[in-house]
């Protein structure tokens, strides 16, 4: 099981999630022409579909696009400084599934 940890920045929370190199090691490959849907299961059992893409322009960094990511942020009450864990695991059908969990900061 590969797992990645990231402390969320204000732009991660308010816009889109910047995907780290560690996450890219186990996420599906980026398609420069199309957003790649990534189904993510949270610790409460809810499925979210985040879209992996490269930002346009000079700095083509990989991101989870804002629409579904922002739904997740809003529903979970995520704030900058919270820590997100993302990992890949094999399900009962020997398929890769992605899981996400949060550690909320109680004091900032």
PDB file of N, CA and C in Angstrom:
ATOM      1  N   UNK A   1       0.852  -1.185   0.000  1.00  0.00           N
ATOM      2  CA  UNK A   1       0.000   0.000   0.000  1.00  0.00           C
ATOM      3  C   UNK A   1       0.891   1.239   0.000  1.00  0.00           C
ATOM      4  N   UNK A   2       0.711   2.071  -0.985  1.00  0.00           N
ATOM      5  CA  UNK A   2       1.435   3.334  -1.045  1.00  0.00           C
ATOM      6  C   UNK A   2       0.552   4.409  -0.449  1.00  0.00           C
ATOM      7  N   UNK A   3       1.149   5.298   0.350  1.00  0.00           N
ATOM      8  CA  UNK A   3       0.366   6.344   0.997  1.00  0.00           C
ATOM      9  C   UNK A   3       1.133   7.652   0.930  1.00  0.00           C
ATOM     10  N   UNK A   4       0.390   8.734   0.755  1.00  0.00           N
ATOM     11  CA  UNK A   4       0.984  10.055   0.682  1.00  0.00           C
ATOM     12  C   UNK A   4       0.285  10.963   1.688  1.00  0.00           C
ATOM     13  N   UNK A   5       1.045  11.818   2.324  1.00  0.00           N
ATOM     14  CA  UNK A   5       0.521  12.754   3.316  1.00  0.00           C
ATOM     15  C   UNK A   5       0.788  14.169   2.817  1.00  0.00           C
ATOM     16  N   UNK A   6      -0.196  15.063   3.009  1.00  0.00           N
ATOM     17  CA  UNK A   6      -0.002  16.444   2.582  1.00  0.00           C
ATOM     18  C   UNK A   6      -0.740  17.385   3.525  1.00  0.00           C
ATOM     19  N   UNK A   7      -0.019  18.390   4.040  1.00  0.00           N
ATOM     20  CA  UNK A   7      -0.670  19.461   4.790  1.00  0.00           C
ATOM     21  C   UNK A   7      -1.277  20.408   3.765  1.00  0.00           C
ATOM     22  N   UNK A   8      -2.560  20.664   3.900  1.00  0.00           N
ATOM     23  CA  UNK A   8      -3.283  21.440   2.891  1.00  0.00           C
ATOM     24  C   UNK A   8      -3.029  22.936   3.035  1.00  0.00           C
ATOM     25  N   UNK A   9      -2.733  23.565   1.919  1.00  0.00           N
ATOM     26  CA  UNK A   9      -2.468  25.011   1.871  1.00  0.00           C
ATOM     27  C   UNK A   9      -3.781  25.748   1.619  1.00  0.00           C
ATOM     28  N   UNK A  10      -3.788  27.071   1.793  1.00  0.00           N
ATOM     29  CA  UNK A  10      -4.993  27.842   1.468  1.00  0.00           C
ATOM     30  C   UNK A  10      -5.451  27.643   0.024  1.00  0.00           C
ATOM     31  N   UNK A  11      -4.523  27.554  -0.933  1.00  0.00           N
ATOM     32  CA  UNK A  11      -4.947  27.357  -2.326  1.00  0.00           C
ATOM     33  C   UNK A  11      -5.488  25.944  -2.540  1.00  0.00           C
ATOM     34  N   UNK A  12      -4.968  24.943  -1.815  1.00  0.00           N
ATOM     35  CA  UNK A  12      -5.527  23.583  -1.893  1.00  0.00           C
ATOM     36  C   UNK A  12      -6.985  23.589  -1.437  1.00  0.00           C
ATOM     37  N   UNK A  13      -7.262  24.360  -0.400  1.00  0.00           N
ATOM     38  CA  UNK A  13      -8.602  24.388   0.196  1.00  0.00           C
ATOM     39  C   UNK A  13      -9.557  25.277  -0.603  1.00  0.00           C
ATOM     40  N   UNK A  14      -9.084  26.410  -1.078  1.00  0.00           N
ATOM     41  CA  UNK A  14      -9.961  27.392  -1.718  1.00  0.00           C
ATOM     42  C   UNK A  14     -10.074  27.262  -3.235  1.00  0.00           C
ATOM     43  N   UNK A  15      -9.161  26.519  -3.865  1.00  0.00           N
ATOM     44  CA  UNK A  15      -9.194  26.423  -5.322  1.00  0.00           C
ATOM     45  C   UNK A  15      -9.177  24.971  -5.769  1.00  0.00           C
ATOM     46  N   UNK A  16      -7.997  24.404  -5.911  1.00  0.00           N
ATOM     47  CA  UNK A  16      -7.849  23.014  -6.357  1.00  0.00           C
ATOM     48  C   UNK A  16      -6.646  22.423  -5.632  1.00  0.00           C
ATOM     49  N   UNK A  17      -6.641  21.111  -5.535  1.00  0.00           N
ATOM     50  CA  UNK A  17      -5.568  20.427  -4.816  1.00  0.00           C
ATOM     51  C   UNK A  17      -4.360  20.235  -5.719  1.00  0.00           C
ATOM     52  N   UNK A  18      -3.230  20.780  -5.314  1.00  0.00           N
ATOM     53  CA  UNK A  18      -1.976  20.535  -6.030  1.00  0.00           C
ATOM     54  C   UNK A  18      -1.523  19.114  -5.698  1.00  0.00           C
ATOM     55  N   UNK A  19      -1.357  18.300  -6.719  1.00  0.00           N
ATOM     56  CA  UNK A  19      -0.986  16.898  -6.556  1.00  0.00           C
ATOM     57  C   UNK A  19       0.533  16.805  -6.429  1.00  0.00           C
ATOM     58  N   UNK A  20       0.988  16.078  -5.412  1.00  0.00           N
ATOM     59  CA  UNK A  20       2.425  15.959  -5.169  1.00  0.00           C
ATOM     60  C   UNK A  20       3.043  14.850  -6.013  1.00  0.00           C
ATOM     61  N   UNK A  21       4.372  14.868  -6.097  1.00  0.00           N
ATOM     62  CA  UNK A  21       5.090  13.814  -6.831  1.00  0.00           C
ATOM     63  C   UNK A  21       4.808  12.446  -6.205  1.00  0.00           C
ATOM     64  N   UNK A  22       4.711  12.408  -4.891  1.00  0.00           N
ATOM     65  CA  UNK A  22       4.419  11.151  -4.208  1.00  0.00           C
ATOM     66  C   UNK A  22       3.076  10.577  -4.627  1.00  0.00           C
ATOM     67  N   UNK A  23       2.070  11.430  -4.782  1.00  0.00           N
ATOM     68  CA  UNK A  23       0.749  10.971  -5.223  1.00  0.00           C
ATOM     69  C   UNK A  23       0.806  10.453  -6.654  1.00  0.00           C
ATOM     70  N   UNK A  24       1.590  11.120  -7.491  1.00  0.00           N
ATOM     71  CA  UNK A  24       1.686  10.722  -8.897  1.00  0.00           C
ATOM     72  C   UNK A  24       2.281   9.327  -9.066  1.00  0.00           C
ATOM     73  N   UNK A  25       3.014   8.841  -8.051  1.00  0.00           N
ATOM     74  CA  UNK A  25       3.615   7.510  -8.142  1.00  0.00           C
ATOM     75  C   UNK A  25       2.567   6.407  -8.170  1.00  0.00           C
ATOM     76  N   UNK A  26       1.364   6.662  -7.593  1.00  0.00           N
ATOM     77  CA  UNK A  26       0.355   5.600  -7.582  1.00  0.00           C
ATOM     78  C   UNK A  26      -0.967   5.986  -8.247  1.00  0.00           C
ATOM     79  N   UNK A  27      -1.136   7.251  -8.628  1.00  0.00           N
ATOM     80  CA  UNK A  27      -2.345   7.654  -9.346  1.00  0.00           C
ATOM     81  C   UNK A  27      -2.235   7.251 -10.816  1.00  0.00           C
ATOM     82  N   UNK A  28      -3.365   7.205 -11.530  1.00  0.00           N
ATOM     83  CA  UNK A  28      -3.295   6.904 -12.972  1.00  0.00           C
ATOM     84  C   UNK A  28      -2.479   7.972 -13.702  1.00  0.00           C
ATOM     85  N   UNK A  29      -1.917   7.626 -14.853  1.00  0.00           N
ATOM     86  CA  UNK A  29      -1.123   8.610 -15.606  1.00  0.00           C
ATOM     87  C   UNK A  29      -1.974   9.796 -16.071  1.00  0.00           C
ATOM     88  N   UNK A  30      -1.344  10.952 -16.105  1.00  0.00           N
ATOM     89  CA  UNK A  30      -2.015  12.163 -16.578  1.00  0.00           C
ATOM     90  C   UNK A  30      -2.125  12.114 -18.094  1.00  0.00           C
ATOM     91  N   UNK A  31      -3.278  12.507 -18.600  1.00  0.00           N
ATOM     92  CA  UNK A  31      -3.502  12.621 -20.041  1.00  0.00           C
ATOM     93  C   UNK A  31      -3.517  14.114 -20.361  1.00  0.00           C
ATOM     94  N   UNK A  32      -2.552  14.609 -21.139  1.00  0.00           N
ATOM     95  CA  UNK A  32      -2.497  16.049 -21.404  1.00  0.00           C
ATOM     96  C   UNK A  32      -3.715  16.579 -22.152  1.00  0.00           C
ATOM     97  N   UNK A  33      -4.462  15.697 -22.815  1.00  0.00           N
ATOM     98  CA  UNK A  33      -5.621  16.120 -23.602  1.00  0.00           C
ATOM     99  C   UNK A  33      -6.935  16.081 -22.821  1.00  0.00           C
ATOM    100  N   UNK A  34      -7.009  15.237 -21.777  1.00  0.00           N
ATOM    101  CA  UNK A  34      -8.278  15.041 -21.069  1.00  0.00           C
ATOM    102  C   UNK A  34      -8.043  14.919 -19.568  1.00  0.00           C
ATOM    103  N   UNK A  35      -9.029  15.353 -18.795  1.00  0.00           N
ATOM    104  CA  UNK A  35      -8.993  15.128 -17.358  1.00  0.00           C
ATOM    105  C   UNK A  35      -9.191  13.638 -17.090  1.00  0.00           C
ATOM    106  N   UNK A  36      -8.480  13.104 -16.108  1.00  0.00           N
ATOM    107  CA  UNK A  36      -8.561  11.685 -15.768  1.00  0.00           C
ATOM    108  C   UNK A  36      -9.396  11.542 -14.494  1.00  0.00           C
ATOM    109  N   UNK A  37     -10.546  10.846 -14.562  1.00  0.00           N
ATOM    110  CA  UNK A  37     -11.349  10.668 -13.359  1.00  0.00           C
ATOM    111  C   UNK A  37     -10.675   9.696 -12.388  1.00  0.00           C
ATOM    112  N   UNK A  38     -10.656  10.074 -11.114  1.00  0.00           N
ATOM    113  CA  UNK A  38     -10.084   9.237 -10.066  1.00  0.00           C
ATOM    114  C   UNK A  38     -11.149   9.086  -8.978  1.00  0.00           C
ATOM    115  N   UNK A  39     -11.665   7.872  -8.834  1.00  0.00           N
ATOM    116  CA  UNK A  39     -12.672   7.602  -7.799  1.00  0.00           C
ATOM    117  C   UNK A  39     -11.960   7.426  -6.462  1.00  0.00           C
ATOM    118  N   UNK A  40     -12.401   8.197  -5.466  1.00  0.00           N
ATOM    119  CA  UNK A  40     -11.764   8.200  -4.158  1.00  0.00           C
ATOM    120  C   UNK A  40     -12.826   7.898  -3.100  1.00  0.00           C
ATOM    121  N   UNK A  41     -12.508   6.972  -2.203  1.00  0.00           N
ATOM    122  CA  UNK A  41     -13.402   6.572  -1.129  1.00  0.00           C
ATOM    123  C   UNK A  41     -12.896   7.163   0.174  1.00  0.00           C
ATOM    124  N   UNK A  42     -13.767   7.908   0.891  1.00  0.00           N
ATOM    125  CA  UNK A  42     -13.325   8.476   2.161  1.00  0.00           C
ATOM    126  C   UNK A  42     -13.565   7.496   3.303  1.00  0.00           C
ATOM    127  N   UNK A  43     -13.126   7.865   4.505  1.00  0.00           N
ATOM    128  CA  UNK A  43     -13.219   6.957   5.646  1.00  0.00           C
ATOM    129  C   UNK A  43     -14.658   6.739   6.110  1.00  0.00           C
ATOM    130  N   UNK A  44     -15.591   7.544   5.609  1.00  0.00           N
ATOM    131  CA  UNK A  44     -17.008   7.372   5.929  1.00  0.00           C
ATOM    132  C   UNK A  44     -17.722   6.516   4.887  1.00  0.00           C
ATOM    133  N   UNK A  45     -17.000   6.096   3.845  1.00  0.00           N
ATOM    134  CA  UNK A  45     -17.564   5.240   2.809  1.00  0.00           C
ATOM    135  C   UNK A  45     -18.162   5.990   1.630  1.00  0.00           C
ATOM    136  N   UNK A  46     -18.030   7.314   1.598  1.00  0.00           N
ATOM    137  CA  UNK A  46     -18.570   8.090   0.488  1.00  0.00           C
ATOM    138  C   UNK A  46     -17.553   8.145  -0.653  1.00  0.00           C
ATOM    139  N   UNK A  47     -18.059   8.002  -1.877  1.00  0.00           N
ATOM    140  CA  UNK A  47     -17.203   8.045  -3.064  1.00  0.00           C
ATOM    141  C   UNK A  47     -17.262   9.439  -3.680  1.00  0.00           C
ATOM    142  N   UNK A  48     -16.092   9.961  -4.002  1.00  0.00           N
ATOM    143  CA  UNK A  48     -15.953  11.222  -4.719  1.00  0.00           C
ATOM    144  C   UNK A  48     -15.190  10.918  -6.004  1.00  0.00           C
ATOM    145  N   UNK A  49     -15.477  11.654  -7.066  1.00  0.00           N
ATOM    146  CA  UNK A  49     -14.708  11.516  -8.304  1.00  0.00           C
ATOM    147  C   UNK A  49     -13.961  12.834  -8.515  1.00  0.00           C
ATOM    148  N   UNK A  50     -12.657  12.768  -8.313  1.00  0.00           N
ATOM    149  CA  UNK A  50     -11.795  13.922  -8.551  1.00  0.00           C
ATOM    150  C   UNK A  50     -11.229  13.791  -9.961  1.00  0.00           C
ATOM    151  N   UNK A  51     -10.960  14.917 -10.611  1.00  0.00           N
ATOM    152  CA  UNK A  51     -10.431  14.906 -11.970  1.00  0.00           C
ATOM    153  C   UNK A  51      -8.994  15.390 -11.968  1.00  0.00           C
ATOM    154  N   UNK A  52      -8.099  14.492 -12.342  1.00  0.00           N
ATOM    155  CA  UNK A  52      -6.673  14.768 -12.387  1.00  0.00           C
ATOM    156  C   UNK A  52      -6.326  15.398 -13.729  1.00  0.00           C
ATOM    157  N   UNK A  53      -5.651  16.525 -13.695  1.00  0.00           N
ATOM    158  CA  UNK A  53      -5.233  17.190 -14.931  1.00  0.00           C
ATOM    159  C   UNK A  53      -3.999  18.027 -14.662  1.00  0.00           C
ATOM    160  N   UNK A  54      -3.465  18.597 -15.726  1.00  0.00           N
ATOM    161  CA  UNK A  54      -2.360  19.541 -15.597  1.00  0.00           C
ATOM    162  C   UNK A  54      -2.918  20.944 -15.747  1.00  0.00           C
ATOM    163  N   UNK A  55      -2.465  21.842 -14.883  1.00  0.00           N
ATOM    164  CA  UNK A  55      -2.872  23.240 -15.031  1.00  0.00           C
ATOM    165  C   UNK A  55      -2.381  23.744 -16.373  1.00  0.00           C
ATOM    166  N   UNK A  56      -3.140  24.640 -16.952  1.00  0.00           N
ATOM    167  CA  UNK A  56      -2.753  25.251 -18.219  1.00  0.00           C
ATOM    168  C   UNK A  56      -1.763  26.384 -17.954  1.00  0.00           C
ATOM    169  N   UNK A  57      -1.008  26.742 -18.953  1.00  0.00           N
ATOM    170  CA  UNK A  57      -0.097  27.871 -18.829  1.00  0.00           C
ATOM    171  C   UNK A  57       1.342  27.440 -18.653  1.00  0.00           C
ATOM    172  N   UNK A  58       2.115  28.365 -18.132  1.00  0.00           N
ATOM    173  CA  UNK A  58       3.559  28.191 -18.015  1.00  0.00           C
ATOM    174  C   UNK A  58       3.946  27.078 -17.036  1.00  0.00           C
ATOM    175  N   UNK A  59       3.280  27.033 -15.893  1.00  0.00           N
ATOM    176  CA  UNK A  59       3.589  26.040 -14.852  1.00  0.00           C
ATOM    177  C   UNK A  59       2.539  24.945 -14.894  1.00  0.00           C
ATOM    178  N   UNK A  60       2.822  23.888 -15.604  1.00  0.00           N
ATOM    179  CA  UNK A  60       1.849  22.812 -15.835  1.00  0.00           C
ATOM    180  C   UNK A  60       1.907  21.773 -14.712  1.00  0.00           C
ATOM    181  N   UNK A  61       1.547  22.189 -13.512  1.00  0.00           N
ATOM    182  CA  UNK A  61       1.558  21.294 -12.366  1.00  0.00           C
ATOM    183  C   UNK A  61       0.282  20.454 -12.342  1.00  0.00           C
ATOM    184  N   UNK A  62       0.395  19.195 -11.877  1.00  0.00           N
ATOM    185  CA  UNK A  62      -0.794  18.352 -11.784  1.00  0.00           C
ATOM    186  C   UNK A  62      -1.690  18.793 -10.621  1.00  0.00           C
ATOM    187  N   UNK A  63      -2.994  18.736 -10.857  1.00  0.00           N
ATOM    188  CA  UNK A  63      -3.976  19.151  -9.838  1.00  0.00           C
ATOM    189  C   UNK A  63      -5.205  18.250  -9.917  1.00  0.00           C
ATOM    190  N   UNK A  64      -5.951  18.212  -8.812  1.00  0.00           N
ATOM    191  CA  UNK A  64      -7.316  17.722  -8.848  1.00  0.00           C
ATOM    192  C   UNK A  64      -8.162  18.954  -9.099  1.00  0.00           C
ATOM    193  N   UNK A  65      -8.916  18.962 -10.187  1.00  0.00           N
ATOM    194  CA  UNK A  65      -9.713  20.126 -10.569  1.00  0.00           C
ATOM    195  C   UNK A  65     -10.710  20.484  -9.480  1.00  0.00           C
ATOM    196  N   UNK A  66     -11.160  21.714  -9.521  1.00  0.00           N
ATOM    197  CA  UNK A  66     -11.881  22.305  -8.411  1.00  0.00           C
ATOM    198  C   UNK A  66     -13.272  21.750  -8.127  1.00  0.00           C
ATOM    199  N   UNK A  67     -14.063  21.381  -9.114  1.00  0.00           N
ATOM    200  CA  UNK A  67     -15.478  21.103  -8.868  1.00  0.00           C
ATOM    201  C   UNK A  67     -15.715  20.038  -7.786  1.00  0.00           C
ATOM    202  N   UNK A  68     -15.337  18.794  -8.021  1.00  0.00           N
ATOM    203  CA  UNK A  68     -15.578  17.747  -7.025  1.00  0.00           C
ATOM    204  C   UNK A  68     -14.675  17.897  -5.799  1.00  0.00           C
ATOM    205  N   UNK A  69     -13.467  18.374  -5.998  1.00  0.00           N
ATOM    206  CA  UNK A  69     -12.576  18.606  -4.864  1.00  0.00           C
ATOM    207  C   UNK A  69     -13.212  19.610  -3.908  1.00  0.00           C
ATOM    208  N   UNK A  70     -13.783  20.683  -4.438  1.00  0.00           N
ATOM    209  CA  UNK A  70     -14.413  21.710  -3.594  1.00  0.00           C
ATOM    210  C   UNK A  70     -15.647  21.158  -2.874  1.00  0.00           C
ATOM    211  N   UNK A  71     -16.386  20.263  -3.512  1.00  0.00           N
ATOM    212  CA  UNK A  71     -17.523  19.611  -2.838  1.00  0.00           C
ATOM    213  C   UNK A  71     -17.004  18.854  -1.620  1.00  0.00           C
ATOM    214  N   UNK A  72     -15.929  18.085  -1.803  1.00  0.00           N
ATOM    215  CA  UNK A  72     -15.324  17.335  -0.711  1.00  0.00           C
ATOM    216  C   UNK A  72     -14.879  18.274   0.415  1.00  0.00           C
ATOM    217  N   UNK A  73     -14.192  19.345   0.058  1.00  0.00           N
ATOM    218  CA  UNK A  73     -13.702  20.317   1.047  1.00  0.00           C
ATOM    219  C   UNK A  73     -14.864  20.897   1.857  1.00  0.00           C
ATOM    220  N   UNK A  74     -15.915  21.305   1.157  1.00  0.00           N
ATOM    221  CA  UNK A  74     -17.060  21.930   1.825  1.00  0.00           C
ATOM    222  C   UNK A  74     -17.792  20.936   2.728  1.00  0.00           C
ATOM    223  N   UNK A  75     -18.058  19.746   2.220  1.00  0.00           N
ATOM    224  CA  UNK A  75     -18.775  18.742   3.013  1.00  0.00           C
ATOM    225  C   UNK A  75     -18.008  18.342   4.266  1.00  0.00           C
ATOM    226  N   UNK A  76     -16.698  18.319   4.178  1.00  0.00           N
ATOM    227  CA  UNK A  76     -15.871  17.875   5.305  1.00  0.00           C
ATOM    228  C   UNK A  76     -15.390  19.007   6.191  1.00  0.00           C
ATOM    229  N   UNK A  77     -15.668  20.256   5.814  1.00  0.00           N
ATOM    230  CA  UNK A  77     -15.234  21.397   6.630  1.00  0.00           C
ATOM    231  C   UNK A  77     -13.720  21.501   6.722  1.00  0.00           C
ATOM    232  N   UNK A  78     -13.056  21.245   5.621  1.00  0.00           N
ATOM    233  CA  UNK A  78     -11.590  21.240   5.588  1.00  0.00           C
ATOM    234  C   UNK A  78     -11.056  22.668   5.635  1.00  0.00           C
ATOM    235  N   UNK A  79      -9.951  22.841   6.343  1.00  0.00           N
ATOM    236  CA  UNK A  79      -9.302  24.146   6.454  1.00  0.00           C
ATOM    237  C   UNK A  79      -7.814  23.998   6.140  1.00  0.00           C
ATOM    238  N   UNK A  80      -7.192  25.101   5.763  1.00  0.00           N
ATOM    239  CA  UNK A  80      -5.746  25.109   5.557  1.00  0.00           C
ATOM    240  C   UNK A  80      -5.083  24.643   6.851  1.00  0.00           C
ATOM    241  N   UNK A  81      -4.058  23.811   6.710  1.00  0.00           N
ATOM    242  CA  UNK A  81      -3.368  23.251   7.871  1.00  0.00           C
ATOM    243  C   UNK A  81      -3.826  21.836   8.204  1.00  0.00           C
ATOM    244  N   UNK A  82      -5.027  21.453   7.750  1.00  0.00           N
ATOM    245  CA  UNK A  82      -5.457  20.067   7.937  1.00  0.00           C
ATOM    246  C   UNK A  82      -4.532  19.166   7.118  1.00  0.00           C
ATOM    247  N   UNK A  83      -4.406  17.931   7.535  1.00  0.00           N
ATOM    248  CA  UNK A  83      -3.528  16.989   6.841  1.00  0.00           C
ATOM    249  C   UNK A  83      -4.382  15.949   6.125  1.00  0.00           C
ATOM    250  N   UNK A  84      -4.084  15.760   4.852  1.00  0.00           N
ATOM    251  CA  UNK A  84      -4.792  14.793   4.018  1.00  0.00           C
ATOM    252  C   UNK A  84      -3.877  13.602   3.775  1.00  0.00           C
ATOM    253  N   UNK A  85      -4.458  12.414   3.852  1.00  0.00           N
ATOM    254  CA  UNK A  85      -3.752  11.178   3.513  1.00  0.00           C
ATOM    255  C   UNK A  85      -4.452  10.579   2.307  1.00  0.00           C
ATOM    256  N   UNK A  86      -3.691  10.218   1.299  1.00  0.00           N
ATOM    257  CA  UNK A  86      -4.230   9.597   0.095  1.00  0.00           C
ATOM    258  C   UNK A  86      -3.402   8.354  -0.178  1.00  0.00           C
ATOM    259  N   UNK A  87      -4.088   7.230  -0.458  1.00  0.00           N
ATOM    260  CA  UNK A  87      -3.358   6.018  -0.740  1.00  0.00           C
ATOM    261  C   UNK A  87      -4.128   5.134  -1.706  1.00  0.00           C
ATOM    262  N   UNK A  88      -3.394   4.219  -2.299  1.00  0.00           N
ATOM    263  CA  UNK A  88      -3.972   3.229  -3.210  1.00  0.00           C
ATOM    264  C   UNK A  88      -3.945   1.886  -2.501  1.00  0.00           C
ATOM    265  N   UNK A  89      -4.996   1.101  -2.732  1.00  0.00           N
ATOM    266  CA  UNK A  89      -5.035  -0.248  -2.182  1.00  0.00           C
ATOM    267  C   UNK A  89      -5.802  -1.136  -3.149  1.00  0.00           C
ATOM    268  N   UNK A  90      -5.651  -2.419  -2.977  1.00  0.00           N
ATOM    269  CA  UNK A  90      -6.349  -3.373  -3.828  1.00  0.00           C
ATOM    270  C   UNK A  90      -7.663  -3.757  -3.161  1.00  0.00           C
ATOM    271  N   UNK A  91      -8.758  -3.729  -3.930  1.00  0.00           N
ATOM    272  CA  UNK A  91     -10.049  -4.115  -3.359  1.00  0.00           C
ATOM    273  C   UNK A  91     -10.243  -5.633  -3.500  1.00  0.00           C
ATOM    274  N   UNK A  92     -11.422  -6.118  -3.108  1.00  0.00           N
ATOM    275  CA  UNK A  92     -11.703  -7.555  -3.129  1.00  0.00           C
ATOM    276  C   UNK A  92     -11.666  -8.143  -4.540  1.00  0.00           C
ATOM    277  N   UNK A  93     -11.807  -7.302  -5.557  1.00  0.00           N
ATOM    278  CA  UNK A  93     -11.795  -7.763  -6.947  1.00  0.00           C
ATOM    279  C   UNK A  93     -10.422  -7.568  -7.594  1.00  0.00           C
ATOM    280  N   UNK A  94      -9.404  -7.321  -6.769  1.00  0.00           N
ATOM    281  CA  UNK A  94      -8.028  -7.127  -7.223  1.00  0.00           C
ATOM    282  C   UNK A  94      -7.893  -5.930  -8.154  1.00  0.00           C
ATOM    283  N   UNK A  95      -8.692  -4.913  -7.892  1.00  0.00           N
ATOM    284  CA  UNK A  95      -8.613  -3.657  -8.635  1.00  0.00           C
ATOM    285  C   UNK A  95      -8.046  -2.589  -7.706  1.00  0.00           C
ATOM    286  N   UNK A  96      -7.362  -1.620  -8.274  1.00  0.00           N
ATOM    287  CA  UNK A  96      -6.837  -0.525  -7.468  1.00  0.00           C
ATOM    288  C   UNK A  96      -7.971   0.424  -7.125  1.00  0.00           C
ATOM    289  N   UNK A  97      -8.047   0.762  -5.839  1.00  0.00           N
ATOM    290  CA  UNK A  97      -8.977   1.806  -5.420  1.00  0.00           C
ATOM    291  C   UNK A  97      -8.186   2.815  -4.606  1.00  0.00           C
ATOM    292  N   UNK A  98      -8.693   4.024  -4.559  1.00  0.00           N
ATOM    293  CA  UNK A  98      -8.003   5.116  -3.878  1.00  0.00           C
ATOM    294  C   UNK A  98      -8.802   5.505  -2.656  1.00  0.00           C
ATOM    295  N   UNK A  99      -8.092   5.750  -1.564  1.00  0.00           N
ATOM    296  CA  UNK A  99      -8.723   6.105  -0.294  1.00  0.00           C
ATOM    297  C   UNK A  99      -8.185   7.451   0.164  1.00  0.00           C
ATOM    298  N   UNK A 100      -9.022   8.181   0.899  1.00  0.00           N
ATOM    299  CA  UNK A 100      -8.619   9.482   1.421  1.00  0.00           C
ATOM    300  C   UNK A 100      -9.087   9.599   2.864  1.00  0.00           C
ATOM    301  N   UNK A 101      -8.261  10.199   3.702  1.00  0.00           N
ATOM    302  CA  UNK A 101      -8.602  10.441   5.097  1.00  0.00           C
ATOM    303  C   UNK A 101      -8.014  11.781   5.498  1.00  0.00           C
ATOM    304  N   UNK A 102      -8.574  12.359   6.556  1.00  0.00           N
ATOM    305  CA  UNK A 102      -8.140  13.685   7.010  1.00  0.00           C
ATOM    306  C   UNK A 102      -7.801  13.677   8.485  1.00  0.00           C
ATOM    307  N   UNK A 103      -6.850  14.500   8.826  1.00  0.00           N
ATOM    308  CA  UNK A 103      -6.533  14.807  10.209  1.00  0.00           C
ATOM    309  C   UNK A 103      -6.774  16.287  10.364  1.00  0.00           C
ATOM    310  N   UNK A 104      -7.821  16.641  11.114  1.00  0.00           N
ATOM    311  CA  UNK A 104      -8.189  18.045  11.284  1.00  0.00           C
ATOM    312  C   UNK A 104      -7.329  18.676  12.373  1.00  0.00           C
ATOM    313  N   UNK A 105      -6.874  19.875  12.096  1.00  0.00           N
ATOM    314  CA  UNK A 105      -6.113  20.629  13.092  1.00  0.00           C
ATOM    315  C   UNK A 105      -7.078  21.239  14.087  1.00  0.00           C
ATOM    316  N   UNK A 106      -6.917  20.938  15.367  1.00  0.00           N
ATOM    317  CA  UNK A 106      -7.814  21.472  16.381  1.00  0.00           C
ATOM    318  C   UNK A 106      -7.449  22.887  16.781  1.00  0.00           C
ATOM    319  N   UNK A 107      -6.158  23.186  16.759  1.00  0.00           N
ATOM    320  CA  UNK A 107      -5.692  24.534  17.129  1.00  0.00           C
ATOM    321  C   UNK A 107      -4.787  25.043  16.036  1.00  0.00           C
ATOM    322  N   UNK A 108      -4.948  26.317  15.702  1.00  0.00           N
ATOM    323  CA  UNK A 108      -4.057  26.876  14.683  1.00  0.00           C
ATOM    324  C   UNK A 108      -3.425  28.145  15.166  1.00  0.00           C
TER     325      UNK A 108
END
